[in-house]
């Protein structure tokens, strides 16, 4: 027979193990390092990935002129 625990019991045991292993401050820092996140990446990525490749190449070419560097042919240089 397996030892089935509730999620609450698992969390309690986990917190105790972390506190014993890392100390209370280390435990808190470890727990703070996790972020569940929110939203829908698939839908929202289009909002912050608006630029297409042509616009990106155009921006690189502008920077090339400003910085007087050569953009390699494989990314649209001359």
N, C-alpha and C. Protein backbone atom coordinates (compact mmCIF):
# COMPACT_ATOMS: atom_id res chain seq x y z
N UNK A 1 0.85 -1.19 0.00
CA UNK A 1 0.00 0.00 0.00
C UNK A 1 0.89 1.25 0.00
N UNK A 2 0.59 2.20 -0.86
CA UNK A 2 1.42 3.41 -0.96
C UNK A 2 0.98 4.44 0.08
N UNK A 3 1.93 5.31 0.41
CA UNK A 3 1.67 6.36 1.37
C UNK A 3 1.17 7.59 0.61
N UNK A 4 -0.15 7.77 0.56
CA UNK A 4 -0.75 8.88 -0.17
C UNK A 4 -0.94 10.05 0.79
N UNK A 5 -0.39 11.19 0.41
CA UNK A 5 -0.49 12.39 1.23
C UNK A 5 -1.24 13.47 0.47
N UNK A 6 -1.86 14.36 1.21
CA UNK A 6 -2.53 15.50 0.59
C UNK A 6 -1.48 16.51 0.17
N UNK A 7 -1.85 17.41 -0.70
CA UNK A 7 -0.91 18.46 -1.13
C UNK A 7 -0.50 19.32 0.06
N UNK A 8 -1.40 19.52 0.98
CA UNK A 8 -1.10 20.30 2.18
C UNK A 8 -0.02 19.61 3.01
N UNK A 9 -0.14 18.29 3.17
CA UNK A 9 0.87 17.54 3.92
C UNK A 9 2.23 17.57 3.22
N UNK A 10 2.20 17.43 1.90
CA UNK A 10 3.44 17.46 1.12
C UNK A 10 4.13 18.81 1.26
N UNK A 11 3.35 19.89 1.19
CA UNK A 11 3.92 21.23 1.36
C UNK A 11 4.54 21.41 2.74
N UNK A 12 3.84 20.93 3.76
CA UNK A 12 4.32 21.06 5.13
C UNK A 12 5.64 20.30 5.31
N UNK A 13 5.71 19.09 4.79
CA UNK A 13 6.93 18.29 4.87
C UNK A 13 8.06 18.95 4.08
N UNK A 14 7.71 19.49 2.91
CA UNK A 14 8.71 20.15 2.07
C UNK A 14 9.28 21.39 2.72
N UNK A 15 8.41 22.20 3.32
CA UNK A 15 8.88 23.42 4.01
C UNK A 15 9.79 23.04 5.16
N UNK A 16 9.41 22.02 5.89
CA UNK A 16 10.24 21.57 7.02
C UNK A 16 11.61 21.10 6.53
N UNK A 17 11.63 20.35 5.44
CA UNK A 17 12.89 19.85 4.89
C UNK A 17 13.77 21.00 4.40
N UNK A 18 13.15 21.97 3.73
CA UNK A 18 13.91 23.13 3.27
C UNK A 18 14.49 23.92 4.43
N UNK A 19 13.68 24.13 5.45
CA UNK A 19 14.13 24.89 6.62
C UNK A 19 15.28 24.17 7.32
N UNK A 20 15.19 22.86 7.43
CA UNK A 20 16.26 22.09 8.07
C UNK A 20 17.53 22.12 7.23
N UNK A 21 17.39 22.03 5.93
CA UNK A 21 18.54 21.96 5.04
C UNK A 21 19.18 23.32 4.79
N UNK A 22 18.35 24.34 4.57
CA UNK A 22 18.85 25.66 4.17
C UNK A 22 18.82 26.70 5.28
N UNK A 23 18.13 26.40 6.36
CA UNK A 23 17.90 27.41 7.40
C UNK A 23 16.72 28.26 6.99
N UNK A 24 16.15 29.00 7.93
CA UNK A 24 14.93 29.75 7.62
C UNK A 24 15.12 30.81 6.53
N UNK A 25 16.23 31.52 6.55
CA UNK A 25 16.45 32.57 5.54
C UNK A 25 16.69 31.94 4.17
N UNK A 26 17.49 30.88 4.13
CA UNK A 26 17.73 30.19 2.87
C UNK A 26 16.45 29.60 2.30
N UNK A 27 15.60 29.08 3.19
CA UNK A 27 14.33 28.52 2.75
C UNK A 27 13.48 29.61 2.09
N UNK A 28 13.38 30.77 2.72
CA UNK A 28 12.58 31.86 2.17
C UNK A 28 13.16 32.32 0.84
N UNK A 29 14.47 32.47 0.76
CA UNK A 29 15.09 32.90 -0.51
C UNK A 29 14.84 31.89 -1.62
N UNK A 30 14.91 30.59 -1.28
CA UNK A 30 14.64 29.54 -2.25
C UNK A 30 13.21 29.64 -2.75
N UNK A 31 12.27 29.78 -1.84
CA UNK A 31 10.87 29.86 -2.23
C UNK A 31 10.58 31.12 -3.04
N UNK A 32 11.25 32.22 -2.73
CA UNK A 32 11.04 33.46 -3.48
C UNK A 32 11.60 33.38 -4.90
N UNK A 33 12.47 32.42 -5.15
CA UNK A 33 13.07 32.31 -6.48
C UNK A 33 12.11 31.71 -7.50
N UNK A 34 10.97 31.21 -7.04
CA UNK A 34 9.98 30.63 -7.95
C UNK A 34 8.86 31.61 -8.22
N UNK A 35 8.54 31.76 -9.50
CA UNK A 35 7.41 32.60 -9.89
C UNK A 35 6.53 31.78 -10.81
N UNK A 36 5.28 31.67 -10.48
CA UNK A 36 4.37 30.87 -11.29
C UNK A 36 4.03 31.53 -12.61
N UNK A 37 4.09 32.85 -12.64
CA UNK A 37 3.76 33.55 -13.86
C UNK A 37 2.24 33.66 -14.04
N UNK A 38 1.85 34.31 -15.11
CA UNK A 38 0.44 34.51 -15.36
C UNK A 38 0.24 34.82 -16.83
N UNK A 39 -0.97 34.80 -17.26
CA UNK A 39 -1.30 35.15 -18.63
C UNK A 39 -1.21 33.98 -19.58
N UNK A 40 -1.32 34.29 -20.87
CA UNK A 40 -1.30 33.30 -21.93
C UNK A 40 -0.16 33.66 -22.89
N UNK A 41 0.97 33.00 -22.75
CA UNK A 41 2.15 33.31 -23.55
C UNK A 41 1.85 33.27 -25.04
N UNK A 42 1.13 32.26 -25.47
CA UNK A 42 0.87 32.08 -26.90
C UNK A 42 0.13 33.28 -27.48
N UNK A 43 -0.85 33.82 -26.75
CA UNK A 43 -1.59 34.98 -27.24
C UNK A 43 -0.78 36.26 -27.06
N UNK A 44 -0.15 36.43 -25.91
CA UNK A 44 0.49 37.70 -25.56
C UNK A 44 1.84 37.91 -26.23
N UNK A 45 2.51 36.85 -26.67
CA UNK A 45 3.83 37.03 -27.27
C UNK A 45 3.78 37.90 -28.52
N UNK A 46 2.64 37.92 -29.20
CA UNK A 46 2.51 38.74 -30.40
C UNK A 46 2.55 40.23 -30.07
N UNK A 47 2.19 40.57 -28.83
CA UNK A 47 2.24 41.97 -28.42
C UNK A 47 3.67 42.45 -28.25
N UNK A 48 4.56 41.61 -27.76
CA UNK A 48 5.93 42.05 -27.56
C UNK A 48 6.89 41.50 -28.60
N UNK A 49 6.40 40.70 -29.53
CA UNK A 49 7.20 40.22 -30.65
C UNK A 49 6.62 40.75 -31.96
N UNK A 50 6.26 42.03 -31.96
CA UNK A 50 5.60 42.61 -33.12
C UNK A 50 6.51 42.73 -34.34
N UNK A 51 7.78 42.93 -34.11
CA UNK A 51 8.68 43.20 -35.22
C UNK A 51 8.92 41.95 -36.07
N UNK A 52 8.85 42.13 -37.38
CA UNK A 52 9.17 41.03 -38.27
C UNK A 52 10.65 41.12 -38.65
N UNK A 53 11.13 40.13 -39.37
CA UNK A 53 12.56 40.05 -39.69
C UNK A 53 13.00 41.23 -40.55
N UNK A 54 12.15 41.72 -41.44
CA UNK A 54 12.54 42.85 -42.29
C UNK A 54 12.78 44.11 -41.45
N UNK A 55 11.94 44.34 -40.46
CA UNK A 55 12.12 45.49 -39.60
C UNK A 55 13.40 45.36 -38.77
N UNK A 56 13.67 44.14 -38.31
CA UNK A 56 14.88 43.91 -37.52
C UNK A 56 16.12 44.18 -38.36
N UNK A 57 16.14 43.68 -39.61
CA UNK A 57 17.27 43.91 -40.51
C UNK A 57 17.42 45.40 -40.80
N UNK A 58 16.31 46.08 -40.98
CA UNK A 58 16.35 47.52 -41.22
C UNK A 58 16.98 48.26 -40.04
N UNK A 59 16.61 47.88 -38.83
CA UNK A 59 17.19 48.50 -37.64
C UNK A 59 18.70 48.21 -37.54
N UNK A 60 19.09 47.01 -37.90
CA UNK A 60 20.52 46.67 -37.89
C UNK A 60 21.28 47.54 -38.88
N UNK A 61 20.69 47.73 -40.07
CA UNK A 61 21.34 48.56 -41.08
C UNK A 61 21.48 50.01 -40.61
N UNK A 62 20.47 50.53 -39.91
CA UNK A 62 20.56 51.89 -39.36
C UNK A 62 21.71 51.97 -38.37
N UNK A 63 21.80 50.98 -37.51
CA UNK A 63 22.88 50.95 -36.52
C UNK A 63 24.24 50.82 -37.21
N UNK A 64 24.27 50.04 -38.30
CA UNK A 64 25.51 49.88 -39.05
C UNK A 64 26.02 51.23 -39.54
N UNK A 65 25.13 52.03 -40.06
CA UNK A 65 25.53 53.35 -40.54
C UNK A 65 26.00 54.24 -39.40
N UNK A 66 25.29 54.17 -38.28
CA UNK A 66 25.67 54.98 -37.12
C UNK A 66 27.00 54.55 -36.53
N UNK A 67 27.24 53.25 -36.52
CA UNK A 67 28.45 52.73 -35.88
C UNK A 67 29.57 52.44 -36.87
N UNK A 68 29.29 52.62 -38.16
CA UNK A 68 30.27 52.37 -39.23
C UNK A 68 30.83 50.96 -39.15
N UNK A 69 29.93 49.99 -39.06
CA UNK A 69 30.35 48.58 -39.09
C UNK A 69 29.68 47.89 -40.26
N UNK A 70 30.24 46.78 -40.66
CA UNK A 70 29.69 46.02 -41.78
C UNK A 70 28.77 44.93 -41.26
N UNK A 71 27.55 44.86 -41.80
CA UNK A 71 26.62 43.80 -41.47
C UNK A 71 26.91 42.64 -42.41
N UNK A 72 27.09 41.43 -41.89
CA UNK A 72 27.38 40.28 -42.76
C UNK A 72 26.27 40.06 -43.80
N UNK A 73 26.67 39.56 -44.98
CA UNK A 73 25.73 39.33 -46.07
C UNK A 73 24.59 38.40 -45.66
N UNK A 74 24.87 37.42 -44.82
CA UNK A 74 23.85 36.44 -44.46
C UNK A 74 22.71 37.02 -43.63
N UNK A 75 22.87 38.28 -43.11
CA UNK A 75 21.75 38.93 -42.44
C UNK A 75 21.32 40.19 -43.18
N UNK A 76 21.68 40.29 -44.42
CA UNK A 76 21.18 41.41 -45.23
C UNK A 76 22.16 42.52 -45.48
N UNK A 77 23.44 42.29 -45.22
CA UNK A 77 24.44 43.33 -45.47
C UNK A 77 24.77 43.43 -46.94
N UNK A 78 25.61 44.41 -47.28
CA UNK A 78 26.00 44.61 -48.69
C UNK A 78 27.31 43.95 -48.97
